[in-house]
N, C-alpha and C. Protein backbone atom coordinates (compact mmCIF):
# COMPACT_ATOMS: atom_id res chain seq x y z
N UNK A 1 3.46 17.46 16.94
CA UNK A 1 3.97 16.54 15.95
C UNK A 1 5.36 16.99 15.52
N UNK A 2 6.17 16.03 15.24
CA UNK A 2 7.54 16.32 14.80
C UNK A 2 7.65 16.09 13.31
N UNK A 3 8.11 17.14 12.61
CA UNK A 3 8.23 17.08 11.15
C UNK A 3 9.17 15.97 10.72
N UNK A 4 10.26 15.78 11.45
CA UNK A 4 11.23 14.74 11.10
C UNK A 4 10.62 13.35 11.12
N UNK A 5 9.77 13.08 12.12
CA UNK A 5 9.11 11.77 12.20
C UNK A 5 8.11 11.59 11.05
N UNK A 6 7.41 12.65 10.71
CA UNK A 6 6.44 12.57 9.61
C UNK A 6 7.17 12.29 8.30
N UNK A 7 8.25 13.03 8.04
CA UNK A 7 9.01 12.82 6.81
C UNK A 7 9.64 11.43 6.78
N UNK A 8 10.20 11.00 7.91
CA UNK A 8 10.77 9.65 7.98
C UNK A 8 9.72 8.60 7.69
N UNK A 9 8.56 8.77 8.28
CA UNK A 9 7.45 7.84 8.07
C UNK A 9 7.10 7.75 6.60
N UNK A 10 6.92 8.90 5.95
CA UNK A 10 6.52 8.91 4.54
C UNK A 10 7.61 8.34 3.64
N UNK A 11 8.86 8.73 3.87
CA UNK A 11 9.96 8.25 3.03
C UNK A 11 10.13 6.74 3.20
N UNK A 12 10.16 6.27 4.44
CA UNK A 12 10.35 4.84 4.66
C UNK A 12 9.16 4.02 4.20
N UNK A 13 7.97 4.52 4.40
CA UNK A 13 6.78 3.79 3.98
C UNK A 13 6.73 3.65 2.46
N UNK A 14 6.96 4.75 1.77
CA UNK A 14 6.85 4.73 0.31
C UNK A 14 8.10 4.15 -0.34
N UNK A 15 9.26 4.70 -0.02
CA UNK A 15 10.45 4.20 -0.70
C UNK A 15 10.88 2.83 -0.20
N UNK A 16 10.79 2.58 1.09
CA UNK A 16 11.15 1.27 1.62
C UNK A 16 10.14 0.21 1.25
N UNK A 17 8.88 0.56 1.34
CA UNK A 17 7.83 -0.41 1.01
C UNK A 17 7.78 -0.78 -0.46
N UNK A 18 8.26 0.13 -1.29
CA UNK A 18 8.26 -0.12 -2.73
C UNK A 18 9.67 -0.39 -3.26
N UNK A 19 10.53 -0.90 -2.41
CA UNK A 19 11.92 -1.15 -2.78
C UNK A 19 12.05 -2.01 -4.03
N UNK A 20 11.17 -3.00 -4.18
CA UNK A 20 11.28 -3.87 -5.35
C UNK A 20 11.09 -3.09 -6.65
N UNK A 21 10.30 -2.02 -6.62
CA UNK A 21 10.11 -1.20 -7.82
C UNK A 21 11.39 -0.45 -8.17
N UNK A 22 12.06 0.08 -7.15
CA UNK A 22 13.30 0.81 -7.40
C UNK A 22 14.38 -0.14 -7.95
N UNK A 23 14.44 -1.33 -7.40
CA UNK A 23 15.42 -2.32 -7.88
C UNK A 23 15.09 -2.72 -9.32
N UNK A 24 13.83 -2.98 -9.60
CA UNK A 24 13.41 -3.35 -10.96
C UNK A 24 13.73 -2.23 -11.95
N UNK A 25 13.44 -0.99 -11.59
CA UNK A 25 13.74 0.14 -12.47
C UNK A 25 15.25 0.25 -12.72
N UNK A 26 16.04 0.05 -11.69
CA UNK A 26 17.49 0.10 -11.83
C UNK A 26 17.99 -1.01 -12.75
N UNK A 27 17.45 -2.21 -12.58
CA UNK A 27 17.86 -3.33 -13.44
C UNK A 27 17.43 -3.11 -14.89
N UNK A 28 16.24 -2.58 -15.09
CA UNK A 28 15.78 -2.30 -16.45
C UNK A 28 16.67 -1.24 -17.09
N UNK A 29 17.03 -0.23 -16.33
CA UNK A 29 17.93 0.82 -16.82
C UNK A 29 19.29 0.23 -17.18
N UNK A 30 19.80 -0.63 -16.32
CA UNK A 30 21.12 -1.25 -16.55
C UNK A 30 21.12 -2.11 -17.82
N UNK A 31 19.96 -2.69 -18.15
CA UNK A 31 19.86 -3.54 -19.34
C UNK A 31 19.32 -2.76 -20.55
N UNK A 32 19.27 -1.44 -20.42
CA UNK A 32 18.83 -0.55 -21.50
C UNK A 32 17.42 -0.87 -21.98
N UNK A 33 16.56 -1.30 -21.05
CA UNK A 33 15.16 -1.56 -21.38
C UNK A 33 14.35 -0.30 -21.13
N UNK A 34 13.27 -0.16 -21.88
CA UNK A 34 12.39 0.98 -21.69
C UNK A 34 11.67 0.84 -20.35
N UNK A 35 11.70 1.90 -19.56
CA UNK A 35 11.04 1.89 -18.25
C UNK A 35 9.74 2.66 -18.37
N UNK A 36 8.65 1.99 -18.11
CA UNK A 36 7.35 2.65 -18.10
C UNK A 36 6.52 2.03 -16.97
N UNK A 37 5.49 2.73 -16.55
CA UNK A 37 4.71 2.33 -15.38
C UNK A 37 4.15 0.91 -15.51
N UNK A 38 3.68 0.55 -16.69
CA UNK A 38 3.13 -0.79 -16.90
C UNK A 38 4.14 -1.90 -16.67
N UNK A 39 5.39 -1.64 -17.04
CA UNK A 39 6.42 -2.67 -16.84
C UNK A 39 6.81 -2.77 -15.37
N UNK A 40 6.75 -1.67 -14.64
CA UNK A 40 7.10 -1.69 -13.23
C UNK A 40 5.98 -2.26 -12.35
N UNK A 41 4.75 -1.95 -12.70
CA UNK A 41 3.62 -2.32 -11.84
C UNK A 41 2.76 -3.45 -12.41
N UNK A 42 3.16 -4.01 -13.52
CA UNK A 42 2.35 -5.01 -14.21
C UNK A 42 2.16 -6.31 -13.46
N UNK A 43 2.97 -6.56 -12.44
CA UNK A 43 2.83 -7.82 -11.69
C UNK A 43 1.83 -7.72 -10.54
N UNK A 44 1.24 -6.57 -10.32
CA UNK A 44 0.27 -6.41 -9.24
C UNK A 44 0.90 -6.16 -7.89
N UNK A 45 2.17 -5.80 -7.87
CA UNK A 45 2.89 -5.60 -6.62
C UNK A 45 2.31 -4.51 -5.74
N UNK A 46 1.66 -3.50 -6.34
CA UNK A 46 1.06 -2.45 -5.51
C UNK A 46 -0.11 -2.98 -4.69
N UNK A 47 -0.80 -3.99 -5.18
CA UNK A 47 -1.86 -4.60 -4.38
C UNK A 47 -1.26 -5.25 -3.14
N UNK A 48 -0.13 -5.94 -3.31
CA UNK A 48 0.55 -6.56 -2.17
C UNK A 48 1.05 -5.49 -1.20
N UNK A 49 1.68 -4.45 -1.71
CA UNK A 49 2.16 -3.35 -0.87
C UNK A 49 1.00 -2.76 -0.07
N UNK A 50 -0.11 -2.49 -0.75
CA UNK A 50 -1.25 -1.84 -0.11
C UNK A 50 -1.85 -2.70 1.00
N UNK A 51 -2.10 -3.96 0.69
CA UNK A 51 -2.72 -4.82 1.70
C UNK A 51 -1.77 -5.09 2.86
N UNK A 52 -0.48 -5.21 2.59
CA UNK A 52 0.50 -5.40 3.67
C UNK A 52 0.54 -4.19 4.59
N UNK A 53 0.55 -3.01 4.00
CA UNK A 53 0.59 -1.78 4.79
C UNK A 53 -0.68 -1.63 5.63
N UNK A 54 -1.82 -1.92 5.04
CA UNK A 54 -3.08 -1.83 5.79
C UNK A 54 -3.11 -2.84 6.94
N UNK A 55 -2.68 -4.05 6.68
CA UNK A 55 -2.72 -5.09 7.74
C UNK A 55 -1.78 -4.76 8.89
N UNK A 56 -0.56 -4.33 8.59
CA UNK A 56 0.36 -4.00 9.68
C UNK A 56 -0.09 -2.74 10.42
N UNK A 57 -0.67 -1.81 9.72
CA UNK A 57 -1.20 -0.61 10.38
C UNK A 57 -2.37 -0.98 11.29
N UNK A 58 -3.23 -1.87 10.80
CA UNK A 58 -4.35 -2.31 11.63
C UNK A 58 -3.86 -3.01 12.89
N UNK A 59 -2.82 -3.84 12.77
CA UNK A 59 -2.26 -4.51 13.95
C UNK A 59 -1.79 -3.50 14.98
N UNK A 60 -1.11 -2.47 14.54
CA UNK A 60 -0.65 -1.43 15.45
C UNK A 60 -1.83 -0.73 16.11
N UNK A 61 -2.83 -0.40 15.32
CA UNK A 61 -4.01 0.29 15.85
C UNK A 61 -4.75 -0.58 16.86
N UNK A 62 -5.00 -1.82 16.51
CA UNK A 62 -5.74 -2.72 17.39
C UNK A 62 -4.96 -3.05 18.65
N UNK A 63 -3.65 -2.99 18.58
CA UNK A 63 -2.81 -3.25 19.75
C UNK A 63 -2.86 -2.09 20.75
N UNK A 64 -3.06 -0.87 20.24
CA UNK A 64 -3.00 0.30 21.11
C UNK A 64 -4.36 0.91 21.43
N UNK A 65 -5.36 0.60 20.66
CA UNK A 65 -6.69 1.19 20.89
C UNK A 65 -7.76 0.12 20.75
N UNK A 66 -8.79 0.26 21.53
CA UNK A 66 -9.88 -0.71 21.49
C UNK A 66 -10.75 -0.47 20.25
N UNK A 67 -10.99 -1.52 19.50
CA UNK A 67 -11.79 -1.41 18.28
C UNK A 67 -13.25 -1.69 18.65
N UNK A 68 -14.02 -0.63 18.79
CA UNK A 68 -15.42 -0.74 19.18
C UNK A 68 -16.30 -0.43 17.96
N UNK A 69 -17.28 -1.28 17.73
CA UNK A 69 -18.20 -1.10 16.62
C UNK A 69 -18.79 0.31 16.65
N UNK A 70 -18.62 1.05 15.57
CA UNK A 70 -19.16 2.40 15.47
C UNK A 70 -18.18 3.49 15.86
N UNK A 71 -17.03 3.13 16.44
CA UNK A 71 -16.04 4.14 16.81
C UNK A 71 -15.35 4.66 15.54
N UNK A 72 -14.70 5.81 15.68
CA UNK A 72 -14.00 6.39 14.53
C UNK A 72 -12.94 5.44 14.01
N UNK A 73 -12.18 4.82 14.92
CA UNK A 73 -11.13 3.88 14.49
C UNK A 73 -11.72 2.70 13.72
N UNK A 74 -12.80 2.16 14.23
CA UNK A 74 -13.46 1.03 13.56
C UNK A 74 -13.99 1.45 12.20
N UNK A 75 -14.66 2.60 12.15
CA UNK A 75 -15.26 3.07 10.89
C UNK A 75 -14.20 3.37 9.84
N UNK A 76 -13.11 4.03 10.23
CA UNK A 76 -12.04 4.34 9.28
C UNK A 76 -11.40 3.03 8.79
N UNK A 77 -11.22 2.08 9.70
CA UNK A 77 -10.63 0.80 9.32
C UNK A 77 -11.51 0.06 8.33
N UNK A 78 -12.80 0.04 8.58
CA UNK A 78 -13.72 -0.66 7.66
C UNK A 78 -13.78 0.06 6.31
N UNK A 79 -13.91 1.38 6.36
CA UNK A 79 -14.06 2.15 5.12
C UNK A 79 -12.77 2.09 4.28
N UNK A 80 -11.64 2.42 4.89
CA UNK A 80 -10.39 2.45 4.12
C UNK A 80 -9.76 1.07 3.99
N UNK A 81 -9.50 0.44 5.12
CA UNK A 81 -8.82 -0.85 5.10
C UNK A 81 -9.65 -1.96 4.49
N UNK A 82 -10.91 -2.02 4.87
CA UNK A 82 -11.78 -3.08 4.35
C UNK A 82 -12.04 -2.95 2.86
N UNK A 83 -12.34 -1.72 2.43
CA UNK A 83 -12.63 -1.53 1.00
C UNK A 83 -11.37 -1.74 0.16
N UNK A 84 -10.21 -1.32 0.67
CA UNK A 84 -8.96 -1.54 -0.06
C UNK A 84 -8.65 -3.03 -0.17
N UNK A 85 -8.78 -3.75 0.91
CA UNK A 85 -8.49 -5.19 0.89
C UNK A 85 -9.45 -5.92 -0.04
N UNK A 86 -10.73 -5.59 0.05
CA UNK A 86 -11.72 -6.22 -0.83
C UNK A 86 -11.43 -5.90 -2.30
N UNK A 87 -11.14 -4.66 -2.60
CA UNK A 87 -10.82 -4.26 -3.97
C UNK A 87 -9.59 -5.01 -4.48
N UNK A 88 -8.56 -5.08 -3.66
CA UNK A 88 -7.33 -5.78 -4.05
C UNK A 88 -7.59 -7.25 -4.34
N UNK A 89 -8.32 -7.90 -3.46
CA UNK A 89 -8.60 -9.34 -3.64
C UNK A 89 -9.45 -9.56 -4.89
N UNK A 90 -10.46 -8.75 -5.10
CA UNK A 90 -11.33 -8.91 -6.26
C UNK A 90 -10.54 -8.68 -7.56
N UNK A 91 -9.79 -7.60 -7.63
CA UNK A 91 -9.01 -7.33 -8.84
C UNK A 91 -7.97 -8.41 -9.07
N UNK A 92 -7.24 -8.74 -8.03
CA UNK A 92 -6.18 -9.73 -8.17
C UNK A 92 -6.76 -11.05 -8.65
N UNK A 93 -7.84 -11.49 -8.03
CA UNK A 93 -8.47 -12.77 -8.41
C UNK A 93 -9.03 -12.74 -9.82
N UNK A 94 -9.74 -11.66 -10.15
CA UNK A 94 -10.37 -11.61 -11.47
C UNK A 94 -9.34 -11.50 -12.59
N UNK A 95 -8.29 -10.72 -12.38
CA UNK A 95 -7.27 -10.58 -13.42
C UNK A 95 -6.52 -11.90 -13.60
N UNK A 96 -6.11 -12.49 -12.50
CA UNK A 96 -5.33 -13.73 -12.61
C UNK A 96 -6.17 -14.92 -13.07
N UNK A 97 -7.44 -14.92 -12.77
CA UNK A 97 -8.26 -16.06 -13.19
C UNK A 97 -8.37 -16.15 -14.71
N UNK A 98 -8.24 -15.03 -15.40
CA UNK A 98 -8.34 -15.06 -16.86
C UNK A 98 -7.03 -15.02 -17.58
N UNK A 99 -5.91 -14.80 -16.85
CA UNK A 99 -4.64 -14.60 -17.55
C UNK A 99 -3.50 -15.48 -17.04
N UNK A 100 -3.76 -16.38 -16.15
CA UNK A 100 -2.67 -17.17 -15.56
C UNK A 100 -1.87 -17.85 -16.67
N UNK A 101 -0.58 -17.56 -16.67
CA UNK A 101 0.33 -18.19 -17.63
C UNK A 101 0.29 -17.62 -19.03
N UNK A 102 -0.57 -16.65 -19.29
CA UNK A 102 -0.70 -16.13 -20.65
C UNK A 102 -0.06 -14.76 -20.85
N UNK A 103 -0.04 -13.95 -19.82
CA UNK A 103 0.43 -12.57 -19.96
C UNK A 103 1.51 -12.32 -18.91
N UNK A 104 2.60 -11.68 -19.32
CA UNK A 104 3.70 -11.43 -18.37
C UNK A 104 3.39 -10.29 -17.41
N UNK A 105 2.61 -9.32 -17.79
CA UNK A 105 2.26 -8.20 -16.93
C UNK A 105 0.75 -7.99 -16.96
N UNK A 106 -0.01 -8.88 -16.35
CA UNK A 106 -1.47 -8.83 -16.49
C UNK A 106 -2.13 -7.63 -15.82
N UNK A 107 -1.43 -6.94 -14.93
CA UNK A 107 -2.04 -5.83 -14.23
C UNK A 107 -1.72 -4.48 -14.85
N UNK A 108 -1.02 -4.47 -15.96
CA UNK A 108 -0.59 -3.20 -16.56
C UNK A 108 -1.78 -2.34 -17.02
N UNK A 109 -2.94 -2.93 -17.23
CA UNK A 109 -4.10 -2.13 -17.60
C UNK A 109 -4.94 -1.72 -16.39
N UNK A 110 -4.45 -2.00 -15.19
CA UNK A 110 -5.17 -1.66 -13.96
C UNK A 110 -4.32 -0.76 -13.06
N UNK A 111 -3.49 0.08 -13.67
CA UNK A 111 -2.58 0.93 -12.91
C UNK A 111 -3.32 1.93 -12.03
N UNK A 112 -4.40 2.48 -12.52
CA UNK A 112 -5.16 3.47 -11.74
C UNK A 112 -5.69 2.89 -10.45
N UNK A 113 -6.24 1.70 -10.51
CA UNK A 113 -6.77 1.05 -9.30
C UNK A 113 -5.64 0.76 -8.32
N UNK A 114 -4.53 0.25 -8.83
CA UNK A 114 -3.40 -0.07 -7.95
C UNK A 114 -2.84 1.19 -7.29
N UNK A 115 -2.71 2.26 -8.04
CA UNK A 115 -2.18 3.51 -7.47
C UNK A 115 -3.15 4.07 -6.44
N UNK A 116 -4.44 4.02 -6.72
CA UNK A 116 -5.44 4.46 -5.72
C UNK A 116 -5.35 3.63 -4.45
N UNK A 117 -5.20 2.32 -4.59
CA UNK A 117 -5.06 1.45 -3.42
C UNK A 117 -3.82 1.82 -2.61
N UNK A 118 -2.72 2.10 -3.28
CA UNK A 118 -1.49 2.46 -2.58
C UNK A 118 -1.65 3.78 -1.84
N UNK A 119 -2.31 4.75 -2.46
CA UNK A 119 -2.54 6.04 -1.81
C UNK A 119 -3.44 5.87 -0.59
N UNK A 120 -4.51 5.09 -0.73
CA UNK A 120 -5.42 4.85 0.39
C UNK A 120 -4.68 4.14 1.53
N UNK A 121 -3.81 3.20 1.20
CA UNK A 121 -3.05 2.48 2.23
C UNK A 121 -2.14 3.43 2.99
N UNK A 122 -1.47 4.34 2.28
CA UNK A 122 -0.59 5.30 2.95
C UNK A 122 -1.42 6.26 3.82
N UNK A 123 -2.59 6.67 3.34
CA UNK A 123 -3.47 7.54 4.13
C UNK A 123 -3.91 6.81 5.41
N UNK A 124 -4.30 5.55 5.29
CA UNK A 124 -4.71 4.77 6.46
C UNK A 124 -3.53 4.61 7.43
N UNK A 125 -2.36 4.31 6.93
CA UNK A 125 -1.18 4.17 7.79
C UNK A 125 -0.87 5.49 8.49
N UNK A 126 -1.04 6.60 7.78
CA UNK A 126 -0.82 7.91 8.38
C UNK A 126 -1.86 8.17 9.47
N UNK A 127 -3.11 7.82 9.21
CA UNK A 127 -4.17 7.95 10.23
C UNK A 127 -3.80 7.16 11.48
N UNK A 128 -3.37 5.92 11.29
CA UNK A 128 -3.00 5.08 12.43
C UNK A 128 -1.83 5.69 13.19
N UNK A 129 -0.85 6.20 12.46
CA UNK A 129 0.30 6.83 13.11
C UNK A 129 -0.13 8.05 13.94
N UNK A 130 -1.08 8.81 13.44
CA UNK A 130 -1.56 9.99 14.17
C UNK A 130 -2.33 9.57 15.43
N UNK A 131 -3.29 8.66 15.29
CA UNK A 131 -4.12 8.31 16.46
C UNK A 131 -3.37 7.48 17.50
N UNK A 132 -2.30 6.81 17.09
CA UNK A 132 -1.49 6.07 18.07
C UNK A 132 -0.35 6.92 18.60
N UNK A 133 -0.33 8.20 18.21
CA UNK A 133 0.64 9.18 18.69
C UNK A 133 2.09 8.85 18.30
N UNK A 134 2.26 8.23 17.16
CA UNK A 134 3.59 7.91 16.66
C UNK A 134 4.42 9.16 16.40
N UNK A 135 3.78 10.22 15.96
CA UNK A 135 4.50 11.44 15.60
C UNK A 135 4.79 12.36 16.78
N UNK A 136 4.31 12.02 17.94
CA UNK A 136 4.53 12.86 19.12
C UNK A 136 5.95 12.72 19.62
N UNK A 137 6.48 13.76 20.22
CA UNK A 137 7.82 13.73 20.80
C UNK A 137 7.80 12.87 22.05
N UNK A 138 8.88 12.18 22.28
CA UNK A 138 9.05 11.38 23.50
C UNK A 138 9.58 12.32 24.58
N UNK A 139 8.81 12.54 25.65
CA UNK A 139 9.26 13.43 26.72
C UNK A 139 9.11 12.79 28.06
């Protein structure tokens, strides 16, 4: 494994994938607004980040390896990807069904779940990168 590829993967996945958060924080700072986690993540954007990362990682995995019922790849995908997607959909639907149009940051009280989903998505993406040999040197 090449350390440079691993670091590039992590930096681009996290900082690039969450670019809207960095822009929002910069704009809030420029307007002298208080920056806190609830204001940055209150729109549920981490659910979108997580499910997008899981889906694109799954596409890469399924393109390079056969998904056989009971295989490690299938099991990891169901456990991590499936549970994350289901959790995201359930939370997103339940929160929005009761707050549509009433609250500007309806997900600010669900930060823990969103952060856990984001961490699980990065772990799954890392797993996919390892099993598809993304980190290996080209020789």
